[in-house]
Amino acid sequence: CFNHSDWIGSGLASWFCPCVLCGQLSAKQGRGWVSRSQVVAFFTILTILAAGCIAAGIAAKVPLLFGLGGFLAYALIMMYGALLLSLRRRIRMKWSIPSPRCCFTGCDGVGETLCCFTGCDDVFTTLCCPCCVADQLARQEYLASNNHSVEYDFCSPNGEVPGVPYKEPPV
């Protein structure tokens, strides 16, 4: 199993098994959030359905099946993004991490300042690189109490390594 390492554990999991990592992060949030197995099962079923419809649509030359597969693949990506965004917002609140606002000023600092909505950083970051967001969330949630090592266990239900003291969020 990938564990006890910064880049091997959470880094590889965020790129090659993002649904497992998101399920572990979700399970770590406590009551009211889904478990790792529920997240993995849901995304696995949706991926199989999407791939099956696309393959059947191509093989049978049925555009409707191909279109349904494309829609399911799009739904899969959107649901993954929504899960990541909600986890990012939840972890930001839990750890009291401020949400920056994106502000743009005219050329050379002259002109009207235009600011985005609060939380736009979360939305844009999640859209641009969801794997980076998942790894960033893991590094925040699995930070050991020594403040410099990330202890992550790919095989545990919530990603925690048994016996490791983790940093606690501020009260």
N, C-alpha and C. Protein backbone atom coordinates (compact mmCIF):
# COMPACT_ATOMS: atom_id res chain seq x y z
N CYS A 1 0.83 -1.20 0.00
CA CYS A 1 0.00 0.00 0.00
C CYS A 1 0.86 1.25 0.00
N PHE A 2 0.34 2.32 -0.62
CA PHE A 2 1.03 3.60 -0.57
C PHE A 2 0.77 4.19 0.81
N ASN A 3 1.81 4.45 1.57
CA ASN A 3 1.59 5.11 2.85
C ASN A 3 2.86 5.76 3.36
N HIS A 4 2.72 6.59 4.37
CA HIS A 4 3.81 7.23 5.08
C HIS A 4 4.72 8.05 4.18
N SER A 5 4.21 8.70 3.19
CA SER A 5 5.07 9.49 2.32
C SER A 5 4.30 10.65 1.74
N ASP A 6 5.00 11.76 1.55
CA ASP A 6 4.36 12.94 0.96
C ASP A 6 3.93 12.70 -0.48
N TRP A 7 4.88 12.39 -1.35
CA TRP A 7 4.56 12.34 -2.77
C TRP A 7 4.09 10.97 -3.23
N ILE A 8 4.55 9.90 -2.61
CA ILE A 8 4.11 8.58 -3.06
C ILE A 8 2.65 8.35 -2.67
N GLY A 9 2.31 8.62 -1.44
CA GLY A 9 0.96 8.34 -0.96
C GLY A 9 -0.10 9.23 -1.57
N SER A 10 -0.20 10.44 -1.07
CA SER A 10 -1.29 11.32 -1.51
C SER A 10 -1.09 11.79 -2.95
N GLY A 11 0.15 11.98 -3.37
CA GLY A 11 0.40 12.44 -4.73
C GLY A 11 -0.05 11.46 -5.78
N LEU A 12 0.37 10.20 -5.64
CA LEU A 12 -0.05 9.18 -6.61
C LEU A 12 -1.54 8.89 -6.52
N ALA A 13 -2.07 8.88 -5.30
CA ALA A 13 -3.51 8.63 -5.14
C ALA A 13 -4.34 9.72 -5.80
N SER A 14 -3.88 10.97 -5.71
CA SER A 14 -4.65 12.07 -6.31
C SER A 14 -4.67 11.99 -7.84
N TRP A 15 -3.64 11.42 -8.44
CA TRP A 15 -3.59 11.31 -9.90
C TRP A 15 -4.19 10.01 -10.43
N PHE A 16 -3.93 8.89 -9.75
CA PHE A 16 -4.34 7.60 -10.31
C PHE A 16 -5.57 6.99 -9.64
N CYS A 17 -5.89 7.38 -8.43
CA CYS A 17 -7.07 6.87 -7.71
C CYS A 17 -7.77 8.02 -7.00
N PRO A 18 -8.16 9.07 -7.73
CA PRO A 18 -8.72 10.25 -7.05
C PRO A 18 -10.01 9.97 -6.29
N CYS A 19 -10.80 9.02 -6.76
CA CYS A 19 -12.05 8.73 -6.06
C CYS A 19 -11.80 8.08 -4.70
N VAL A 20 -10.75 7.26 -4.60
CA VAL A 20 -10.40 6.66 -3.31
C VAL A 20 -9.98 7.76 -2.34
N LEU A 21 -9.10 8.65 -2.79
CA LEU A 21 -8.63 9.74 -1.93
C LEU A 21 -9.79 10.64 -1.52
N CYS A 22 -10.67 10.98 -2.46
CA CYS A 22 -11.83 11.82 -2.11
C CYS A 22 -12.76 11.12 -1.14
N GLY A 23 -12.92 9.81 -1.31
CA GLY A 23 -13.75 9.04 -0.37
C GLY A 23 -13.14 9.03 1.02
N GLN A 24 -11.81 8.91 1.10
CA GLN A 24 -11.14 8.94 2.40
C GLN A 24 -11.26 10.31 3.05
N LEU A 25 -11.06 11.36 2.26
CA LEU A 25 -11.21 12.71 2.79
C LEU A 25 -12.63 12.96 3.26
N SER A 26 -13.59 12.45 2.50
CA SER A 26 -14.99 12.59 2.87
C SER A 26 -15.29 11.85 4.16
N ALA A 27 -14.79 10.63 4.29
CA ALA A 27 -15.00 9.84 5.51
C ALA A 27 -14.36 10.52 6.71
N LYS A 28 -13.24 11.20 6.50
CA LYS A 28 -12.54 11.88 7.59
C LYS A 28 -13.32 13.09 8.11
N GLN A 29 -14.25 13.60 7.31
CA GLN A 29 -15.01 14.77 7.73
C GLN A 29 -16.05 14.45 8.80
N GLY A 30 -16.33 13.16 8.97
CA GLY A 30 -17.24 12.76 10.05
C GLY A 30 -18.65 12.51 9.57
N ARG A 31 -19.55 12.56 10.51
CA ARG A 31 -20.95 12.23 10.26
C ARG A 31 -21.57 13.14 9.20
N GLY A 32 -22.40 12.58 8.38
CA GLY A 32 -23.06 13.35 7.34
C GLY A 32 -22.34 13.32 6.00
N TRP A 33 -21.13 12.78 5.96
CA TRP A 33 -20.38 12.67 4.72
C TRP A 33 -20.34 11.20 4.31
N VAL A 34 -20.14 10.94 3.06
CA VAL A 34 -20.15 9.57 2.56
C VAL A 34 -18.82 8.88 2.85
N SER A 35 -18.84 7.56 2.85
CA SER A 35 -17.63 6.79 3.12
C SER A 35 -16.82 6.57 1.85
N ARG A 36 -15.60 6.08 2.03
CA ARG A 36 -14.72 5.79 0.90
C ARG A 36 -15.36 4.78 -0.04
N SER A 37 -15.92 3.71 0.52
CA SER A 37 -16.48 2.65 -0.33
C SER A 37 -17.69 3.16 -1.11
N GLN A 38 -18.49 4.05 -0.54
CA GLN A 38 -19.64 4.59 -1.26
C GLN A 38 -19.19 5.46 -2.43
N VAL A 39 -18.19 6.30 -2.22
CA VAL A 39 -17.68 7.16 -3.28
C VAL A 39 -17.08 6.31 -4.40
N VAL A 40 -16.25 5.34 -4.04
CA VAL A 40 -15.60 4.49 -5.04
C VAL A 40 -16.64 3.68 -5.82
N ALA A 41 -17.61 3.10 -5.13
CA ALA A 41 -18.65 2.31 -5.81
C ALA A 41 -19.45 3.17 -6.78
N PHE A 42 -19.86 4.36 -6.33
CA PHE A 42 -20.66 5.25 -7.19
C PHE A 42 -19.89 5.63 -8.45
N PHE A 43 -18.65 6.10 -8.30
CA PHE A 43 -17.88 6.53 -9.46
C PHE A 43 -17.47 5.35 -10.35
N THR A 44 -17.26 4.18 -9.79
CA THR A 44 -16.94 3.00 -10.60
C THR A 44 -18.13 2.61 -11.46
N ILE A 45 -19.30 2.56 -10.86
CA ILE A 45 -20.52 2.20 -11.61
C ILE A 45 -20.78 3.22 -12.72
N LEU A 46 -20.66 4.50 -12.39
CA LEU A 46 -20.90 5.54 -13.39
C LEU A 46 -19.88 5.46 -14.53
N THR A 47 -18.62 5.17 -14.22
CA THR A 47 -17.59 5.03 -15.25
C THR A 47 -17.87 3.84 -16.16
N ILE A 48 -18.26 2.72 -15.57
CA ILE A 48 -18.57 1.52 -16.37
C ILE A 48 -19.77 1.78 -17.27
N LEU A 49 -20.80 2.42 -16.73
CA LEU A 49 -21.98 2.74 -17.55
C LEU A 49 -21.61 3.67 -18.71
N ALA A 50 -20.82 4.71 -18.42
CA ALA A 50 -20.44 5.65 -19.47
C ALA A 50 -19.60 4.96 -20.55
N ALA A 51 -18.59 4.19 -20.12
CA ALA A 51 -17.73 3.50 -21.09
C ALA A 51 -18.53 2.47 -21.88
N GLY A 52 -19.44 1.76 -21.21
CA GLY A 52 -20.27 0.76 -21.89
C GLY A 52 -21.16 1.39 -22.94
N CYS A 53 -21.79 2.50 -22.60
CA CYS A 53 -22.66 3.19 -23.57
C CYS A 53 -21.88 3.72 -24.76
N ILE A 54 -20.71 4.28 -24.49
CA ILE A 54 -19.89 4.80 -25.59
C ILE A 54 -19.42 3.66 -26.48
N ALA A 55 -18.95 2.56 -25.89
CA ALA A 55 -18.50 1.40 -26.68
C ALA A 55 -19.64 0.77 -27.47
N ALA A 56 -20.80 0.62 -26.82
CA ALA A 56 -21.96 0.03 -27.51
C ALA A 56 -22.44 0.95 -28.62
N GLY A 57 -22.40 2.26 -28.37
CA GLY A 57 -22.82 3.21 -29.40
C GLY A 57 -21.91 3.18 -30.61
N ILE A 58 -20.62 3.02 -30.38
CA ILE A 58 -19.66 2.94 -31.49
C ILE A 58 -19.82 1.61 -32.23
N ALA A 59 -19.91 0.51 -31.48
CA ALA A 59 -20.00 -0.82 -32.10
C ALA A 59 -21.30 -1.00 -32.87
N ALA A 60 -22.40 -0.57 -32.30
CA ALA A 60 -23.70 -0.76 -32.96
C ALA A 60 -24.08 0.40 -33.86
N LYS A 61 -23.23 1.42 -33.90
CA LYS A 61 -23.50 2.62 -34.70
C LYS A 61 -24.84 3.23 -34.33
N VAL A 62 -25.05 3.35 -33.01
CA VAL A 62 -26.28 3.96 -32.49
C VAL A 62 -25.89 5.27 -31.80
N PRO A 63 -26.16 6.40 -32.45
CA PRO A 63 -25.75 7.68 -31.89
C PRO A 63 -26.36 7.98 -30.52
N LEU A 64 -27.57 7.45 -30.28
CA LEU A 64 -28.21 7.70 -28.99
C LEU A 64 -27.40 7.10 -27.83
N LEU A 65 -26.92 5.86 -28.02
CA LEU A 65 -26.10 5.24 -26.98
C LEU A 65 -24.79 5.99 -26.78
N PHE A 66 -24.17 6.40 -27.88
CA PHE A 66 -22.92 7.16 -27.81
C PHE A 66 -23.16 8.47 -27.07
N GLY A 67 -24.25 9.15 -27.38
CA GLY A 67 -24.60 10.40 -26.71
C GLY A 67 -24.89 10.21 -25.23
N LEU A 68 -25.56 9.11 -24.89
CA LEU A 68 -25.83 8.81 -23.48
C LEU A 68 -24.52 8.57 -22.73
N GLY A 69 -23.60 7.86 -23.35
CA GLY A 69 -22.30 7.63 -22.74
C GLY A 69 -21.54 8.93 -22.51
N GLY A 70 -21.60 9.82 -23.48
CA GLY A 70 -20.96 11.12 -23.34
C GLY A 70 -21.58 11.93 -22.21
N PHE A 71 -22.91 11.88 -22.12
CA PHE A 71 -23.60 12.58 -21.04
C PHE A 71 -23.20 12.01 -19.68
N LEU A 72 -23.12 10.68 -19.56
CA LEU A 72 -22.72 10.06 -18.30
C LEU A 72 -21.27 10.41 -17.94
N ALA A 73 -20.40 10.47 -18.94
CA ALA A 73 -19.01 10.86 -18.69
C ALA A 73 -18.94 12.31 -18.21
N TYR A 74 -19.74 13.18 -18.82
CA TYR A 74 -19.81 14.57 -18.39
C TYR A 74 -20.35 14.66 -16.96
N ALA A 75 -21.39 13.89 -16.66
CA ALA A 75 -21.96 13.87 -15.30
C ALA A 75 -20.92 13.39 -14.29
N LEU A 76 -20.14 12.40 -14.67
CA LEU A 76 -19.08 11.87 -13.80
C LEU A 76 -18.08 12.97 -13.45
N ILE A 77 -17.63 13.70 -14.45
CA ILE A 77 -16.66 14.77 -14.23
C ILE A 77 -17.26 15.88 -13.37
N MET A 78 -18.50 16.26 -13.64
CA MET A 78 -19.15 17.32 -12.87
C MET A 78 -19.37 16.91 -11.41
N MET A 79 -19.76 15.66 -11.18
CA MET A 79 -19.98 15.20 -9.80
C MET A 79 -18.66 15.10 -9.03
N TYR A 80 -17.60 14.69 -9.71
CA TYR A 80 -16.29 14.65 -9.08
C TYR A 80 -15.86 16.07 -8.70
N GLY A 81 -16.06 17.01 -9.61
CA GLY A 81 -15.72 18.41 -9.32
C GLY A 81 -16.55 18.96 -8.16
N ALA A 82 -17.83 18.62 -8.13
CA ALA A 82 -18.69 19.09 -7.05
C ALA A 82 -18.26 18.51 -5.70
N LEU A 83 -17.90 17.23 -5.69
CA LEU A 83 -17.42 16.60 -4.45
C LEU A 83 -16.13 17.28 -3.98
N LEU A 84 -15.20 17.51 -4.91
CA LEU A 84 -13.94 18.17 -4.55
C LEU A 84 -14.18 19.58 -4.04
N LEU A 85 -15.05 20.31 -4.71
CA LEU A 85 -15.34 21.68 -4.30
C LEU A 85 -15.96 21.72 -2.91
N SER A 86 -16.90 20.82 -2.64
CA SER A 86 -17.52 20.80 -1.31
C SER A 86 -16.52 20.38 -0.24
N LEU A 87 -15.63 19.44 -0.57
CA LEU A 87 -14.58 19.06 0.39
C LEU A 87 -13.63 20.22 0.64
N ARG A 88 -13.27 20.92 -0.42
CA ARG A 88 -12.35 22.06 -0.27
C ARG A 88 -12.96 23.14 0.61
N ARG A 89 -14.23 23.45 0.39
CA ARG A 89 -14.91 24.46 1.21
C ARG A 89 -15.02 23.99 2.66
N ARG A 90 -15.34 22.72 2.86
CA ARG A 90 -15.48 22.18 4.22
C ARG A 90 -14.14 22.21 4.96
N ILE A 91 -13.08 21.80 4.31
CA ILE A 91 -11.76 21.77 4.94
C ILE A 91 -11.26 23.20 5.19
N ARG A 92 -11.57 24.11 4.28
CA ARG A 92 -11.20 25.53 4.48
C ARG A 92 -11.88 26.08 5.73
N MET A 93 -13.16 25.77 5.92
CA MET A 93 -13.88 26.23 7.12
C MET A 93 -13.35 25.54 8.38
N LYS A 94 -13.11 24.24 8.29
CA LYS A 94 -12.64 23.47 9.43
C LYS A 94 -11.31 23.97 9.97
N TRP A 95 -10.39 24.34 9.08
CA TRP A 95 -9.06 24.78 9.47
C TRP A 95 -8.95 26.30 9.54
N SER A 96 -10.05 27.02 9.36
CA SER A 96 -10.07 28.49 9.39
C SER A 96 -9.10 29.11 8.39
N ILE A 97 -9.09 28.57 7.18
CA ILE A 97 -8.24 29.09 6.11
C ILE A 97 -9.08 30.11 5.33
N PRO A 98 -8.64 31.37 5.27
CA PRO A 98 -9.44 32.38 4.57
C PRO A 98 -9.52 32.09 3.07
N SER A 99 -10.63 32.48 2.49
CA SER A 99 -10.84 32.28 1.05
C SER A 99 -10.54 33.60 0.33
N PRO A 100 -9.47 33.62 -0.45
CA PRO A 100 -9.14 34.88 -1.14
C PRO A 100 -10.15 35.19 -2.24
N ARG A 101 -10.29 36.46 -2.52
CA ARG A 101 -11.13 36.89 -3.63
C ARG A 101 -10.23 37.30 -4.78
N CYS A 102 -10.62 36.94 -5.96
CA CYS A 102 -9.86 37.32 -7.14
C CYS A 102 -10.27 38.74 -7.54
N CYS A 103 -9.34 39.66 -7.57
CA CYS A 103 -9.63 41.04 -7.96
C CYS A 103 -8.73 41.42 -9.13
N PHE A 104 -9.31 42.13 -10.06
CA PHE A 104 -8.59 42.56 -11.24
C PHE A 104 -8.73 44.06 -11.39
N THR A 105 -7.62 44.74 -11.66
CA THR A 105 -7.63 46.17 -11.87
C THR A 105 -7.24 46.42 -13.31
N GLY A 106 -7.62 47.57 -13.81
CA GLY A 106 -7.30 47.92 -15.20
C GLY A 106 -5.81 47.91 -15.46
N CYS A 107 -5.42 48.15 -16.67
CA CYS A 107 -4.01 48.14 -17.08
C CYS A 107 -3.19 49.12 -16.24
N ASP A 108 -2.02 48.71 -15.84
CA ASP A 108 -1.09 49.52 -15.06
C ASP A 108 -1.69 49.99 -13.73
N GLY A 109 -2.63 49.22 -13.18
CA GLY A 109 -3.22 49.58 -11.89
C GLY A 109 -4.17 50.76 -11.97
N VAL A 110 -4.50 51.20 -13.15
CA VAL A 110 -5.39 52.34 -13.32
C VAL A 110 -6.74 51.82 -13.79
N GLY A 111 -7.77 52.35 -13.26
CA GLY A 111 -9.11 51.96 -13.70
C GLY A 111 -9.88 51.30 -12.59
N GLU A 112 -11.03 50.83 -12.95
CA GLU A 112 -11.95 50.23 -12.00
C GLU A 112 -11.48 48.84 -11.57
N THR A 113 -11.66 48.53 -10.28
CA THR A 113 -11.30 47.21 -9.76
C THR A 113 -12.53 46.32 -9.81
N LEU A 114 -12.36 45.15 -10.38
CA LEU A 114 -13.44 44.18 -10.50
C LEU A 114 -13.09 42.97 -9.65
N CYS A 115 -13.95 42.61 -8.71
CA CYS A 115 -13.68 41.46 -7.84
C CYS A 115 -14.70 40.36 -8.09
N CYS A 116 -14.22 39.15 -8.02
CA CYS A 116 -15.09 37.98 -8.15
C CYS A 116 -15.78 37.71 -6.81
N PHE A 117 -16.64 36.74 -6.79
CA PHE A 117 -17.34 36.33 -5.59
C PHE A 117 -16.38 35.65 -4.61
N THR A 118 -16.74 35.65 -3.34
CA THR A 118 -15.92 34.98 -2.33
C THR A 118 -15.94 33.48 -2.62
N GLY A 119 -14.79 32.87 -2.65
CA GLY A 119 -14.70 31.44 -2.96
C GLY A 119 -14.39 31.16 -4.40
N CYS A 120 -14.19 32.21 -5.21
CA CYS A 120 -13.88 31.98 -6.62
C CYS A 120 -12.57 31.23 -6.78
N ASP A 121 -11.65 31.43 -5.83
CA ASP A 121 -10.39 30.71 -5.84
C ASP A 121 -10.63 29.21 -5.79
N ASP A 122 -11.56 28.77 -4.93
CA ASP A 122 -11.89 27.35 -4.83
C ASP A 122 -12.43 26.81 -6.15
N VAL A 123 -13.33 27.55 -6.75
CA VAL A 123 -13.95 27.11 -8.00
C VAL A 123 -12.93 27.02 -9.13
N PHE A 124 -12.15 28.08 -9.32
CA PHE A 124 -11.19 28.10 -10.42
C PHE A 124 -10.09 27.06 -10.24
N THR A 125 -9.61 26.90 -9.00
CA THR A 125 -8.56 25.91 -8.75
C THR A 125 -9.08 24.51 -8.99
N THR A 126 -10.30 24.23 -8.55
CA THR A 126 -10.89 22.90 -8.76
C THR A 126 -11.11 22.62 -10.24
N LEU A 127 -11.53 23.62 -10.99
CA LEU A 127 -11.74 23.43 -12.43
C LEU A 127 -10.42 23.25 -13.18
N CYS A 128 -9.38 23.98 -12.78
CA CYS A 128 -8.11 23.94 -13.51
C CYS A 128 -7.29 22.68 -13.24
N CYS A 129 -7.25 22.23 -11.99
CA CYS A 129 -6.43 21.06 -11.68
C CYS A 129 -7.03 20.29 -10.50
N PRO A 130 -8.04 19.45 -10.76
CA PRO A 130 -8.68 18.72 -9.66
C PRO A 130 -7.73 17.78 -8.93
N CYS A 131 -6.77 17.20 -9.62
CA CYS A 131 -5.81 16.30 -8.95
C CYS A 131 -4.94 17.07 -7.97
N CYS A 132 -4.55 18.27 -8.34
CA CYS A 132 -3.75 19.11 -7.43
C CYS A 132 -4.57 19.50 -6.21
N VAL A 133 -5.84 19.78 -6.41
CA VAL A 133 -6.73 20.13 -5.29
C VAL A 133 -6.85 18.94 -4.34
N ALA A 134 -7.05 17.74 -4.88
CA ALA A 134 -7.18 16.56 -4.03
C ALA A 134 -5.90 16.34 -3.22
N ASP A 135 -4.74 16.51 -3.84
CA ASP A 135 -3.48 16.34 -3.12
C ASP A 135 -3.30 17.43 -2.06
N GLN A 136 -3.68 18.66 -2.39
CA GLN A 136 -3.58 19.76 -1.43
C GLN A 136 -4.48 19.49 -0.21
N LEU A 137 -5.68 19.00 -0.45
CA LEU A 137 -6.59 18.67 0.66
C LEU A 137 -6.00 17.56 1.52
N ALA A 138 -5.41 16.56 0.89
CA ALA A 138 -4.81 15.46 1.63
C ALA A 138 -3.64 15.96 2.49
N ARG A 139 -2.84 16.83 1.93
CA ARG A 139 -1.71 17.36 2.68
C ARG A 139 -2.18 18.18 3.88
N GLN A 140 -3.31 18.84 3.77
CA GLN A 140 -3.86 19.60 4.90
C GLN A 140 -4.44 18.66 5.96
N GLU A 141 -5.20 17.68 5.52
CA GLU A 141 -5.90 16.79 6.46
C GLU A 141 -4.99 15.74 7.10
N TYR A 142 -3.94 15.32 6.42
CA TYR A 142 -3.08 14.26 6.94
C TYR A 142 -1.74 14.79 7.44
N LEU A 143 -1.70 16.07 7.82
CA LEU A 143 -0.49 16.66 8.37
C LEU A 143 -0.28 16.13 9.79
N ALA A 144 0.89 15.56 10.03
CA ALA A 144 1.19 15.02 11.36
C ALA A 144 1.40 16.17 12.35
N SER A 145 1.32 15.85 13.62
CA SER A 145 1.43 16.88 14.66
C SER A 145 2.81 17.54 14.70
N ASN A 146 3.80 16.96 14.03
CA ASN A 146 5.12 17.59 13.99
C ASN A 146 5.18 18.75 12.99
N ASN A 147 4.08 19.00 12.27
CA ASN A 147 3.90 20.11 11.32
C ASN A 147 4.75 20.05 10.06
N HIS A 148 5.44 18.96 9.79
CA HIS A 148 6.20 18.92 8.55
C HIS A 148 6.11 17.60 7.78
N SER A 149 5.49 16.58 8.33
CA SER A 149 5.36 15.34 7.55
C SER A 149 3.87 15.02 7.34
N VAL A 150 3.61 14.50 6.16
CA VAL A 150 2.25 14.09 5.81
C VAL A 150 2.20 12.58 5.93
N GLU A 151 1.34 12.07 6.78
CA GLU A 151 1.21 10.63 7.00
C GLU A 151 -0.13 10.17 6.44
N TYR A 152 -0.07 9.42 5.35
CA TYR A 152 -1.27 9.00 4.63
C TYR A 152 -1.20 7.51 4.35
N ASP A 153 -2.31 6.81 4.56
CA ASP A 153 -2.38 5.37 4.30
C ASP A 153 -3.49 5.11 3.28
N PHE A 154 -3.09 4.70 2.09
CA PHE A 154 -4.03 4.45 1.00
C PHE A 154 -5.05 3.37 1.34
N CYS A 155 -4.66 2.40 2.16
CA CYS A 155 -5.52 1.25 2.42
C CYS A 155 -6.50 1.44 3.58
N SER A 156 -6.37 2.50 4.35
CA SER A 156 -7.30 2.67 5.48
C SER A 156 -8.58 3.36 5.01
N PRO A 157 -9.69 3.14 5.72
CA PRO A 157 -10.97 3.71 5.29
C PRO A 157 -10.98 5.24 5.25
N ASN A 158 -10.23 5.89 6.15
CA ASN A 158 -10.22 7.36 6.15
C ASN A 158 -8.85 7.95 5.85
N GLY A 159 -7.89 7.13 5.45
CA GLY A 159 -6.57 7.61 5.05
C GLY A 159 -5.59 7.82 6.18
N GLU A 160 -6.03 7.64 7.43
CA GLU A 160 -5.14 7.86 8.57
C GLU A 160 -4.28 6.63 8.86
N VAL A 161 -3.05 6.89 9.27
CA VAL A 161 -2.14 5.83 9.67
C VAL A 161 -2.37 5.59 11.16
N PRO A 162 -2.69 4.34 11.56
CA PRO A 162 -2.94 4.08 12.98
C PRO A 162 -1.73 4.44 13.86
N GLY A 163 -2.01 5.11 14.96
CA GLY A 163 -0.98 5.45 15.92
C GLY A 163 -0.24 6.74 15.65
N VAL A 164 -0.54 7.42 14.53
CA VAL A 164 0.15 8.67 14.22
C VAL A 164 -0.69 9.84 14.78
N PRO A 165 -0.07 10.71 15.57
CA PRO A 165 -0.81 11.90 16.05
C PRO A 165 -0.88 12.94 14.94
N TYR A 166 -2.11 13.32 14.60
CA TYR A 166 -2.32 14.30 13.54
C TYR A 166 -2.57 15.68 14.14
N LYS A 167 -2.23 16.69 13.36
CA LYS A 167 -2.48 18.06 13.79
C LYS A 167 -3.98 18.27 13.89
N GLU A 168 -4.40 18.97 14.93
CA GLU A 168 -5.83 19.24 15.14
C GLU A 168 -6.18 20.60 14.58
N PRO A 169 -7.39 20.75 14.01
CA PRO A 169 -7.81 22.06 13.52
C PRO A 169 -8.01 23.02 14.70
N PRO A 170 -7.90 24.33 14.43
CA PRO A 170 -8.11 25.29 15.51
C PRO A 170 -9.54 25.25 16.03
N VAL A 171 -9.68 25.58 17.27
CA VAL A 171 -11.01 25.53 17.89
C VAL A 171 -11.76 26.79 17.70
